[in-house]
PDB file of all heavy atoms in Angstrom:
ATOM      1  N   GLY A   1     -82.453 -16.026   1.609  1.00  0.00           N
ATOM      2  CA  GLY A   1     -81.657 -16.794   2.551  1.00  0.00           C
ATOM      3  C   GLY A   1     -82.116 -18.217   2.751  1.00  0.00           C
ATOM      4  O   GLY A   1     -83.186 -18.629   2.320  1.00  0.00           O
ATOM      5  N   ASN A   2     -81.249 -18.987   3.424  1.00  0.00           N
ATOM      6  CA  ASN A   2     -81.526 -20.404   3.651  1.00  0.00           C
ATOM      7  C   ASN A   2     -82.732 -20.633   4.549  1.00  0.00           C
ATOM      8  O   ASN A   2     -83.464 -21.607   4.391  1.00  0.00           O
ATOM      9  CB  ASN A   2     -80.293 -21.061   4.278  1.00  0.00           C
ATOM     10  CG  ASN A   2     -79.092 -21.010   3.361  1.00  0.00           C
ATOM     11  OD1 ASN A   2     -79.242 -20.930   2.142  1.00  0.00           O
ATOM     12  ND2 ASN A   2     -77.903 -21.035   3.923  1.00  0.00           N
ATOM     13  N   ARG A   3     -82.930 -19.729   5.502  1.00  0.00           N
ATOM     14  CA  ARG A   3     -84.079 -19.879   6.408  1.00  0.00           C
ATOM     15  C   ARG A   3     -85.392 -19.832   5.614  1.00  0.00           C
ATOM     16  O   ARG A   3     -86.345 -20.559   5.916  1.00  0.00           O
ATOM     17  CB  ARG A   3     -84.063 -18.780   7.479  1.00  0.00           C
ATOM     18  CG  ARG A   3     -85.132 -18.970   8.555  1.00  0.00           C
ATOM     19  CD  ARG A   3     -85.179 -17.759   9.467  1.00  0.00           C
ATOM     20  NE  ARG A   3     -83.978 -17.700  10.277  1.00  0.00           N
ATOM     21  CZ  ARG A   3     -83.887 -18.219  11.502  1.00  0.00           C
ATOM     22  NH1 ARG A   3     -84.910 -18.855  12.018  1.00  0.00           N
ATOM     23  NH2 ARG A   3     -82.779 -18.113  12.197  1.00  0.00           N
ATOM     24  N   ARG A   4     -85.424 -18.975   4.590  1.00  0.00           N
ATOM     25  CA  ARG A   4     -86.624 -18.908   3.750  1.00  0.00           C
ATOM     26  C   ARG A   4     -86.898 -20.244   3.075  1.00  0.00           C
ATOM     27  O   ARG A   4     -88.040 -20.718   3.024  1.00  0.00           O
ATOM     28  CB  ARG A   4     -86.452 -17.841   2.659  1.00  0.00           C
ATOM     29  CG  ARG A   4     -87.710 -17.668   1.822  1.00  0.00           C
ATOM     30  CD  ARG A   4     -87.408 -17.034   0.479  1.00  0.00           C
ATOM     31  NE  ARG A   4     -86.802 -17.958  -0.447  1.00  0.00           N
ATOM     32  CZ  ARG A   4     -87.482 -18.820  -1.185  1.00  0.00           C
ATOM     33  NH1 ARG A   4     -88.794 -18.909  -1.081  1.00  0.00           N
ATOM     34  NH2 ARG A   4     -86.869 -19.646  -2.008  1.00  0.00           N
ATOM     35  N   ILE A   5     -85.832 -20.900   2.581  1.00  0.00           N
ATOM     36  CA  ILE A   5     -85.998 -22.183   1.917  1.00  0.00           C
ATOM     37  C   ILE A   5     -86.525 -23.234   2.888  1.00  0.00           C
ATOM     38  O   ILE A   5     -87.446 -23.989   2.574  1.00  0.00           O
ATOM     39  CB  ILE A   5     -84.661 -22.645   1.300  1.00  0.00           C
ATOM     40  CG1 ILE A   5     -84.190 -21.653   0.239  1.00  0.00           C
ATOM     41  CG2 ILE A   5     -84.786 -24.041   0.708  1.00  0.00           C
ATOM     42  CD1 ILE A   5     -82.826 -21.967  -0.325  1.00  0.00           C
ATOM     43  N   VAL A   6     -85.947 -23.274   4.077  1.00  0.00           N
ATOM     44  CA  VAL A   6     -86.351 -24.270   5.076  1.00  0.00           C
ATOM     45  C   VAL A   6     -87.782 -24.045   5.525  1.00  0.00           C
ATOM     46  O   VAL A   6     -88.558 -24.998   5.691  1.00  0.00           O
ATOM     47  CB  VAL A   6     -85.391 -24.253   6.289  1.00  0.00           C
ATOM     48  CG1 VAL A   6     -85.857 -25.224   7.362  1.00  0.00           C
ATOM     49  CG2 VAL A   6     -83.965 -24.618   5.855  1.00  0.00           C
ATOM     50  N   ASP A   7     -88.163 -22.778   5.718  1.00  0.00           N
ATOM     51  CA  ASP A   7     -89.538 -22.469   6.126  1.00  0.00           C
ATOM     52  C   ASP A   7     -90.528 -22.741   4.990  1.00  0.00           C
ATOM     53  O   ASP A   7     -91.645 -23.183   5.242  1.00  0.00           O
ATOM     54  CB  ASP A   7     -89.652 -21.011   6.562  1.00  0.00           C
ATOM     55  CG  ASP A   7     -89.080 -20.777   7.958  1.00  0.00           C
ATOM     56  OD1 ASP A   7     -88.930 -21.759   8.707  1.00  0.00           O
ATOM     57  OD2 ASP A   7     -88.759 -19.626   8.286  1.00  0.00           O
ATOM     58  N   ALA A   8     -90.112 -22.455   3.758  1.00  0.00           N
ATOM     59  CA  ALA A   8     -91.014 -22.634   2.620  1.00  0.00           C
ATOM     60  C   ALA A   8     -91.258 -24.105   2.314  1.00  0.00           C
ATOM     61  O   ALA A   8     -92.342 -24.478   1.853  1.00  0.00           O
ATOM     62  CB  ALA A   8     -90.441 -21.929   1.388  1.00  0.00           C
ATOM     63  N   PHE A   9     -90.257 -24.941   2.604  1.00  0.00           N
ATOM     64  CA  PHE A   9     -90.383 -26.372   2.327  1.00  0.00           C
ATOM     65  C   PHE A   9     -90.024 -27.168   3.596  1.00  0.00           C
ATOM     66  O   PHE A   9     -88.922 -27.743   3.687  1.00  0.00           O
ATOM     67  CB  PHE A   9     -89.476 -26.774   1.165  1.00  0.00           C
ATOM     68  CG  PHE A   9     -89.825 -26.096  -0.135  1.00  0.00           C
ATOM     69  CD1 PHE A   9     -89.185 -24.924  -0.501  1.00  0.00           C
ATOM     70  CD2 PHE A   9     -90.800 -26.626  -0.963  1.00  0.00           C
ATOM     71  CE1 PHE A   9     -89.517 -24.277  -1.697  1.00  0.00           C
ATOM     72  CE2 PHE A   9     -91.126 -26.000  -2.156  1.00  0.00           C
ATOM     73  CZ  PHE A   9     -90.483 -24.824  -2.530  1.00  0.00           C
ATOM     74  N   PRO A  10     -90.915 -27.171   4.587  1.00  0.00           N
ATOM     75  CA  PRO A  10     -90.594 -27.794   5.884  1.00  0.00           C
ATOM     76  C   PRO A  10     -90.357 -29.294   5.826  1.00  0.00           C
ATOM     77  O   PRO A  10     -89.750 -29.851   6.723  1.00  0.00           O
ATOM     78  CB  PRO A  10     -91.828 -27.464   6.738  1.00  0.00           C
ATOM     79  CG  PRO A  10     -92.926 -27.225   5.759  1.00  0.00           C
ATOM     80  CD  PRO A  10     -92.269 -26.589   4.571  1.00  0.00           C
ATOM     81  N   THR A  11     -90.828 -29.973   4.767  1.00  0.00           N
ATOM     82  CA  THR A  11     -90.607 -31.414   4.667  1.00  0.00           C
ATOM     83  C   THR A  11     -89.447 -31.752   3.728  1.00  0.00           C
ATOM     84  O   THR A  11     -89.275 -32.898   3.347  1.00  0.00           O
ATOM     85  CB  THR A  11     -91.885 -32.136   4.151  1.00  0.00           C
ATOM     86  OG1 THR A  11     -92.221 -31.641   2.845  1.00  0.00           O
ATOM     87  CG2 THR A  11     -93.044 -31.917   5.103  1.00  0.00           C
ATOM     88  N   MET A  12     -88.672 -30.742   3.355  1.00  0.00           N
ATOM     89  CA  MET A  12     -87.554 -30.964   2.439  1.00  0.00           C
ATOM     90  C   MET A  12     -86.586 -32.002   3.000  1.00  0.00           C
ATOM     91  O   MET A  12     -86.267 -32.008   4.195  1.00  0.00           O
ATOM     92  CB  MET A  12     -86.799 -29.656   2.185  1.00  0.00           C
ATOM     93  CG  MET A  12     -85.551 -29.822   1.309  1.00  0.00           C
ATOM     94  SD  MET A  12     -84.564 -28.320   1.186  1.00  0.00           S
ATOM     95  CE  MET A  12     -85.521 -27.429  -0.016  1.00  0.00           C
ATOM     96  N   ARG A  13     -86.107 -32.882   2.096  1.00  0.00           N
ATOM     97  CA  ARG A  13     -85.145 -33.914   2.486  1.00  0.00           C
ATOM     98  C   ARG A  13     -83.905 -33.822   1.604  1.00  0.00           C
ATOM     99  O   ARG A  13     -84.008 -33.769   0.371  1.00  0.00           O
ATOM    100  CB  ARG A  13     -85.772 -35.303   2.380  1.00  0.00           C
ATOM    101  CG  ARG A  13     -86.990 -35.493   3.269  1.00  0.00           C
ATOM    102  CD  ARG A  13     -87.524 -36.896   3.215  1.00  0.00           C
ATOM    103  NE  ARG A  13     -86.600 -37.829   3.836  1.00  0.00           N
ATOM    104  CZ  ARG A  13     -86.546 -38.077   5.150  1.00  0.00           C
ATOM    105  NH1 ARG A  13     -87.377 -37.456   5.968  1.00  0.00           N
ATOM    106  NH2 ARG A  13     -85.687 -38.946   5.636  1.00  0.00           N
ATOM    107  N   PHE A  14     -82.742 -33.753   2.256  1.00  0.00           N
ATOM    108  CA  PHE A  14     -81.473 -33.707   1.540  1.00  0.00           C
ATOM    109  C   PHE A  14     -81.083 -35.121   1.130  1.00  0.00           C
ATOM    110  O   PHE A  14     -81.273 -36.075   1.884  1.00  0.00           O
ATOM    111  CB  PHE A  14     -80.395 -33.112   2.459  1.00  0.00           C
ATOM    112  CG  PHE A  14     -78.994 -33.194   1.911  1.00  0.00           C
ATOM    113  CD1 PHE A  14     -78.663 -32.561   0.732  1.00  0.00           C
ATOM    114  CD2 PHE A  14     -78.015 -33.909   2.587  1.00  0.00           C
ATOM    115  CE1 PHE A  14     -77.370 -32.643   0.228  1.00  0.00           C
ATOM    116  CE2 PHE A  14     -76.735 -33.996   2.099  1.00  0.00           C
ATOM    117  CZ  PHE A  14     -76.407 -33.352   0.918  1.00  0.00           C
ATOM    118  N   ILE A  15     -80.548 -35.273  -0.081  1.00  0.00           N
ATOM    119  CA  ILE A  15     -80.190 -36.598  -0.590  1.00  0.00           C
ATOM    120  C   ILE A  15     -78.672 -36.666  -0.804  1.00  0.00           C
ATOM    121  O   ILE A  15     -78.157 -36.190  -1.832  1.00  0.00           O
ATOM    122  CB  ILE A  15     -80.912 -36.911  -1.913  1.00  0.00           C
ATOM    123  CG1 ILE A  15     -82.426 -36.737  -1.747  1.00  0.00           C
ATOM    124  CG2 ILE A  15     -80.583 -38.315  -2.403  1.00  0.00           C
ATOM    125  CD1 ILE A  15     -83.197 -36.912  -3.037  1.00  0.00           C
ATOM    126  N   PRO A  16     -77.914 -37.218   0.154  1.00  0.00           N
ATOM    127  CA  PRO A  16     -76.471 -37.383  -0.012  1.00  0.00           C
ATOM    128  C   PRO A  16     -76.178 -38.386  -1.131  1.00  0.00           C
ATOM    129  O   PRO A  16     -77.033 -39.192  -1.481  1.00  0.00           O
ATOM    130  CB  PRO A  16     -75.998 -37.919   1.352  1.00  0.00           C
ATOM    131  CG  PRO A  16     -77.142 -37.688   2.270  1.00  0.00           C
ATOM    132  CD  PRO A  16     -78.376 -37.731   1.445  1.00  0.00           C
ATOM    133  N   LYS A  17     -74.972 -38.348  -1.646  1.00  0.00           N
ATOM    134  CA  LYS A  17     -74.606 -39.289  -2.700  1.00  0.00           C
ATOM    135  C   LYS A  17     -74.621 -40.717  -2.176  1.00  0.00           C
ATOM    136  O   LYS A  17     -74.021 -41.029  -1.145  1.00  0.00           O
ATOM    137  CB  LYS A  17     -73.208 -38.955  -3.238  1.00  0.00           C
ATOM    138  CG  LYS A  17     -73.134 -37.600  -3.942  1.00  0.00           C
ATOM    139  CD  LYS A  17     -71.729 -37.306  -4.430  1.00  0.00           C
ATOM    140  CE  LYS A  17     -71.684 -35.950  -5.135  1.00  0.00           C
ATOM    141  NZ  LYS A  17     -70.309 -35.624  -5.583  1.00  0.00           N
ATOM    142  N   ASN A  18     -75.341 -41.565  -2.894  1.00  0.00           N
ATOM    143  CA  ASN A  18     -75.413 -42.998  -2.557  1.00  0.00           C
ATOM    144  C   ASN A  18     -75.951 -43.257  -1.152  1.00  0.00           C
ATOM    145  O   ASN A  18     -75.629 -44.280  -0.537  1.00  0.00           O
ATOM    146  CB  ASN A  18     -74.043 -43.666  -2.715  1.00  0.00           C
ATOM    147  CG  ASN A  18     -73.476 -43.506  -4.109  1.00  0.00           C
ATOM    148  OD1 ASN A  18     -74.208 -43.617  -5.094  1.00  0.00           O
ATOM    149  ND2 ASN A  18     -72.183 -43.228  -4.197  1.00  0.00           N
ATOM    150  N   LYS A  19     -76.747 -42.335  -0.626  1.00  0.00           N
ATOM    151  CA  LYS A  19     -77.321 -42.506   0.703  1.00  0.00           C
ATOM    152  C   LYS A  19     -78.827 -42.243   0.629  1.00  0.00           C
ATOM    153  O   LYS A  19     -79.324 -41.638  -0.307  1.00  0.00           O
ATOM    154  CB  LYS A  19     -76.686 -41.528   1.707  1.00  0.00           C
ATOM    155  CG  LYS A  19     -75.185 -41.712   1.898  1.00  0.00           C
ATOM    156  CD  LYS A  19     -74.870 -42.908   2.775  1.00  0.00           C
ATOM    157  CE  LYS A  19     -73.381 -43.003   3.071  1.00  0.00           C
ATOM    158  NZ  LYS A  19     -73.054 -44.145   3.919  1.00  0.00           N
ATOM    159  N   SER A  20     -79.547 -42.719   1.645  1.00  0.00           N
ATOM    160  CA  SER A  20     -80.979 -42.423   1.702  1.00  0.00           C
ATOM    161  C   SER A  20     -81.171 -40.972   2.123  1.00  0.00           C
ATOM    162  O   SER A  20     -80.286 -40.362   2.745  1.00  0.00           O
ATOM    163  CB  SER A  20     -81.673 -43.363   2.679  1.00  0.00           C
ATOM    164  OG  SER A  20     -81.098 -43.245   3.968  1.00  0.00           O
ATOM    165  N   SER A  21     -82.326 -40.406   1.815  1.00  0.00           N
ATOM    166  CA  SER A  21     -82.575 -38.993   2.103  1.00  0.00           C
ATOM    167  C   SER A  21     -82.703 -38.755   3.606  1.00  0.00           C
ATOM    168  O   SER A  21     -83.026 -39.658   4.378  1.00  0.00           O
ATOM    169  CB  SER A  21     -83.856 -38.539   1.395  1.00  0.00           C
ATOM    170  OG  SER A  21     -84.980 -39.240   1.904  1.00  0.00           O
ATOM    171  N   ILE A  22     -82.434 -37.532   4.012  1.00  0.00           N
ATOM    172  CA  ILE A  22     -82.507 -37.164   5.423  1.00  0.00           C
ATOM    173  C   ILE A  22     -83.198 -35.811   5.536  1.00  0.00           C
ATOM    174  O   ILE A  22     -82.969 -34.915   4.713  1.00  0.00           O
ATOM    175  CB  ILE A  22     -81.083 -37.117   6.054  1.00  0.00           C
ATOM    176  CG1 ILE A  22     -81.173 -36.650   7.512  1.00  0.00           C
ATOM    177  CG2 ILE A  22     -80.158 -36.204   5.266  1.00  0.00           C
ATOM    178  CD1 ILE A  22     -79.859 -36.714   8.248  1.00  0.00           C
ATOM    179  N   SER A  23     -84.069 -35.666   6.528  1.00  0.00           N
ATOM    180  CA  SER A  23     -84.792 -34.415   6.720  1.00  0.00           C
ATOM    181  C   SER A  23     -83.815 -33.270   6.987  1.00  0.00           C
ATOM    182  O   SER A  23     -82.943 -33.360   7.847  1.00  0.00           O
ATOM    183  CB  SER A  23     -85.752 -34.551   7.915  1.00  0.00           C
ATOM    184  OG  SER A  23     -86.232 -33.290   8.305  1.00  0.00           O
ATOM    185  N   VAL A  24     -83.972 -32.177   6.242  1.00  0.00           N
ATOM    186  CA  VAL A  24     -83.094 -31.020   6.407  1.00  0.00           C
ATOM    187  C   VAL A  24     -83.266 -30.425   7.804  1.00  0.00           C
ATOM    188  O   VAL A  24     -82.296 -30.087   8.474  1.00  0.00           O
ATOM    189  CB  VAL A  24     -83.394 -29.964   5.329  1.00  0.00           C
ATOM    190  CG1 VAL A  24     -82.663 -28.663   5.644  1.00  0.00           C
ATOM    191  CG2 VAL A  24     -82.984 -30.481   3.962  1.00  0.00           C
ATOM    192  N   LYS A  25     -84.515 -30.330   8.267  1.00  0.00           N
ATOM    193  CA  LYS A  25     -84.753 -29.742   9.593  1.00  0.00           C
ATOM    194  C   LYS A  25     -84.132 -30.576  10.702  1.00  0.00           C
ATOM    195  O   LYS A  25     -83.625 -30.055  11.680  1.00  0.00           O
ATOM    196  CB  LYS A  25     -86.252 -29.556   9.824  1.00  0.00           C
ATOM    197  CG  LYS A  25     -86.823 -28.332   9.147  1.00  0.00           C
ATOM    198  CD  LYS A  25     -88.178 -27.971   9.698  1.00  0.00           C
ATOM    199  CE  LYS A  25     -88.645 -26.634   9.155  1.00  0.00           C
ATOM    200  NZ  LYS A  25     -89.917 -26.198   9.741  1.00  0.00           N
ATOM    201  N   GLU A  26     -84.194 -31.900  10.547  1.00  0.00           N
ATOM    202  CA  GLU A  26     -83.590 -32.758  11.568  1.00  0.00           C
ATOM    203  C   GLU A  26     -82.072 -32.625  11.534  1.00  0.00           C
ATOM    204  O   GLU A  26     -81.417 -32.624  12.570  1.00  0.00           O
ATOM    205  CB  GLU A  26     -84.000 -34.217  11.326  1.00  0.00           C
ATOM    206  CG  GLU A  26     -85.448 -34.505  11.639  1.00  0.00           C
ATOM    207  CD  GLU A  26     -85.830 -35.934  11.338  1.00  0.00           C
ATOM    208  OE1 GLU A  26     -84.919 -36.802  11.274  1.00  0.00           O
ATOM    209  OE2 GLU A  26     -87.024 -36.213  11.139  1.00  0.00           O
ATOM    210  N   MET A  27     -81.502 -32.502  10.354  1.00  0.00           N
ATOM    211  CA  MET A  27     -80.064 -32.444  10.208  1.00  0.00           C
ATOM    212  C   MET A  27     -79.487 -31.177  10.843  1.00  0.00           C
ATOM    213  O   MET A  27     -78.428 -31.188  11.444  1.00  0.00           O
ATOM    214  CB  MET A  27     -79.661 -32.514   8.739  1.00  0.00           C
ATOM    215  CG  MET A  27     -78.155 -32.611   8.533  1.00  0.00           C
ATOM    216  SD  MET A  27     -77.713 -33.164   6.863  1.00  0.00           S
ATOM    217  CE  MET A  27     -78.315 -31.807   5.881  1.00  0.00           C
ATOM    218  N   ILE A  28     -80.204 -30.074  10.733  1.00  0.00           N
ATOM    219  CA  ILE A  28     -79.694 -28.830  11.286  1.00  0.00           C
ATOM    220  C   ILE A  28     -80.308 -28.504  12.643  1.00  0.00           C
ATOM    221  O   ILE A  28     -80.036 -27.448  13.209  1.00  0.00           O
ATOM    222  CB  ILE A  28     -79.930 -27.649  10.316  1.00  0.00           C
ATOM    223  CG1 ILE A  28     -81.425 -27.443  10.071  1.00  0.00           C
ATOM    224  CG2 ILE A  28     -79.221 -27.885   8.999  1.00  0.00           C
ATOM    225  CD1 ILE A  28     -81.736 -26.309   9.115  1.00  0.00           C
ATOM    226  N   GLY A  29     -81.128 -29.444  13.168  1.00  0.00           N
ATOM    227  CA  GLY A  29     -81.710 -29.236  14.493  1.00  0.00           C
ATOM    228  C   GLY A  29     -82.699 -28.092  14.530  1.00  0.00           C
ATOM    229  O   GLY A  29     -82.903 -27.456  15.561  1.00  0.00           O
ATOM    230  N   TYR A  30     -83.336 -27.832  13.400  1.00  0.00           N
ATOM    231  CA  TYR A  30     -84.284 -26.720  13.300  1.00  0.00           C
ATOM    232  C   TYR A  30     -85.688 -27.270  13.440  1.00  0.00           C
ATOM    233  O   TYR A  30     -86.404 -27.470  12.474  1.00  0.00           O
ATOM    234  CB  TYR A  30     -84.094 -26.046  11.939  1.00  0.00           C
ATOM    235  CG  TYR A  30     -84.846 -24.752  11.728  1.00  0.00           C
ATOM    236  CD1 TYR A  30     -84.666 -23.655  12.569  1.00  0.00           C
ATOM    237  CD2 TYR A  30     -85.724 -24.612  10.655  1.00  0.00           C
ATOM    238  CE1 TYR A  30     -85.316 -22.480  12.343  1.00  0.00           C
ATOM    239  CE2 TYR A  30     -86.400 -23.422  10.421  1.00  0.00           C
ATOM    240  CZ  TYR A  30     -86.189 -22.354  11.283  1.00  0.00           C
ATOM    241  OH  TYR A  30     -86.854 -21.175  11.049  1.00  0.00           O
ATOM    242  N   ILE A  31     -86.086 -27.570  14.674  1.00  0.00           N
ATOM    243  CA  ILE A  31     -87.344 -28.254  14.948  1.00  0.00           C
ATOM    244  C   ILE A  31     -88.416 -27.242  15.353  1.00  0.00           C
ATOM    245  O   ILE A  31     -88.145 -26.271  16.062  1.00  0.00           O
ATOM    246  CB  ILE A  31     -87.146 -29.303  16.065  1.00  0.00           C
ATOM    247  CG1 ILE A  31     -85.997 -30.239  15.698  1.00  0.00           C
ATOM    248  CG2 ILE A  31     -88.426 -30.081  16.285  1.00  0.00           C
ATOM    249  CD1 ILE A  31     -86.168 -31.000  14.390  1.00  0.00           C
ATOM    250  N   ASN A  32     -89.668 -27.524  14.895  1.00  0.00           N
ATOM    251  CA  ASN A  32     -90.810 -26.663  15.203  1.00  0.00           C
ATOM    252  C   ASN A  32     -90.613 -25.234  14.711  1.00  0.00           C
ATOM    253  O   ASN A  32     -91.149 -24.278  15.269  1.00  0.00           O
ATOM    254  CB  ASN A  32     -91.086 -26.622  16.723  1.00  0.00           C
ATOM    255  CG  ASN A  32     -91.494 -27.985  17.240  1.00  0.00           C
ATOM    256  OD1 ASN A  32     -92.131 -28.777  16.539  1.00  0.00           O
ATOM    257  ND2 ASN A  32     -91.108 -28.285  18.464  1.00  0.00           N
ATOM    258  N   THR A  33     -89.784 -25.100  13.640  1.00  0.00           N
ATOM    259  CA  THR A  33     -89.518 -23.833  12.959  1.00  0.00           C
ATOM    260  C   THR A  33     -89.061 -22.732  13.906  1.00  0.00           C
ATOM    261  O   THR A  33     -89.287 -21.554  13.703  1.00  0.00           O
ATOM    262  CB  THR A  33     -90.763 -23.330  12.192  1.00  0.00           C
ATOM    263  OG1 THR A  33     -91.798 -23.029  13.118  1.00  0.00           O
ATOM    264  CG2 THR A  33     -91.252 -24.368  11.211  1.00  0.00           C
ATOM    265  N   LYS A  34     -88.365 -23.114  14.977  1.00  0.00           N
ATOM    266  CA  LYS A  34     -87.859 -22.102  15.911  1.00  0.00           C
ATOM    267  C   LYS A  34     -86.410 -22.411  16.232  1.00  0.00           C
ATOM    268  O   LYS A  34     -85.998 -23.538  16.366  1.00  0.00           O
ATOM    269  CB  LYS A  34     -88.663 -22.114  17.220  1.00  0.00           C
ATOM    270  CG  LYS A  34     -90.114 -21.652  17.035  1.00  0.00           C
ATOM    271  CD  LYS A  34     -90.831 -21.681  18.359  1.00  0.00           C
ATOM    272  CE  LYS A  34     -92.279 -21.247  18.199  1.00  0.00           C
ATOM    273  NZ  LYS A  34     -93.024 -21.303  19.461  1.00  0.00           N
ATOM    274  N   VAL A  35     -85.609 -21.352  16.369  1.00  0.00           N
ATOM    275  CA  VAL A  35     -84.221 -21.475  16.804  1.00  0.00           C
ATOM    276  C   VAL A  35     -84.070 -20.614  18.048  1.00  0.00           C
ATOM    277  O   VAL A  35     -84.350 -19.417  18.029  1.00  0.00           O
ATOM    278  CB  VAL A  35     -83.230 -20.978  15.720  1.00  0.00           C
ATOM    279  CG1 VAL A  35     -81.810 -21.036  16.222  1.00  0.00           C
ATOM    280  CG2 VAL A  35     -83.384 -21.838  14.468  1.00  0.00           C
ATOM    281  N   LYS A  36     -83.637 -21.211  19.118  1.00  0.00           N
ATOM    282  CA  LYS A  36     -83.541 -20.473  20.399  1.00  0.00           C
ATOM    283  C   LYS A  36     -82.484 -19.382  20.297  1.00  0.00           C
ATOM    284  O   LYS A  36     -81.430 -19.548  19.691  1.00  0.00           O
ATOM    285  CB  LYS A  36     -83.181 -21.431  21.534  1.00  0.00           C
ATOM    286  CG  LYS A  36     -84.304 -22.426  21.819  1.00  0.00           C
ATOM    287  CD  LYS A  36     -83.908 -23.307  22.979  1.00  0.00           C
ATOM    288  CE  LYS A  36     -85.027 -24.308  23.302  1.00  0.00           C
ATOM    289  NZ  LYS A  36     -84.677 -25.197  24.407  1.00  0.00           N
ATOM    290  N   LYS A  37     -82.764 -18.262  20.954  1.00  0.00           N
ATOM    291  CA  LYS A  37     -81.824 -17.139  20.979  1.00  0.00           C
ATOM    292  C   LYS A  37     -81.189 -17.031  22.367  1.00  0.00           C
ATOM    293  O   LYS A  37     -81.756 -17.431  23.363  1.00  0.00           O
ATOM    294  CB  LYS A  37     -82.559 -15.838  20.627  1.00  0.00           C
ATOM    295  CG  LYS A  37     -83.168 -15.838  19.234  1.00  0.00           C
ATOM    296  CD  LYS A  37     -83.888 -14.525  18.987  1.00  0.00           C
ATOM    297  CE  LYS A  37     -84.540 -14.507  17.612  1.00  0.00           C
ATOM    298  NZ  LYS A  37     -85.258 -13.236  17.370  1.00  0.00           N
TER     299      LYS A  37
END
């Protein structure tokens, strides 16, 4: 699953076309590796 990818690579940055990279965790609001329930 996607959560495994995000946890395995916490500094991963998504690279949109013709744009600068953006932190995946920041983009999905997944900060401090926790999602509130």
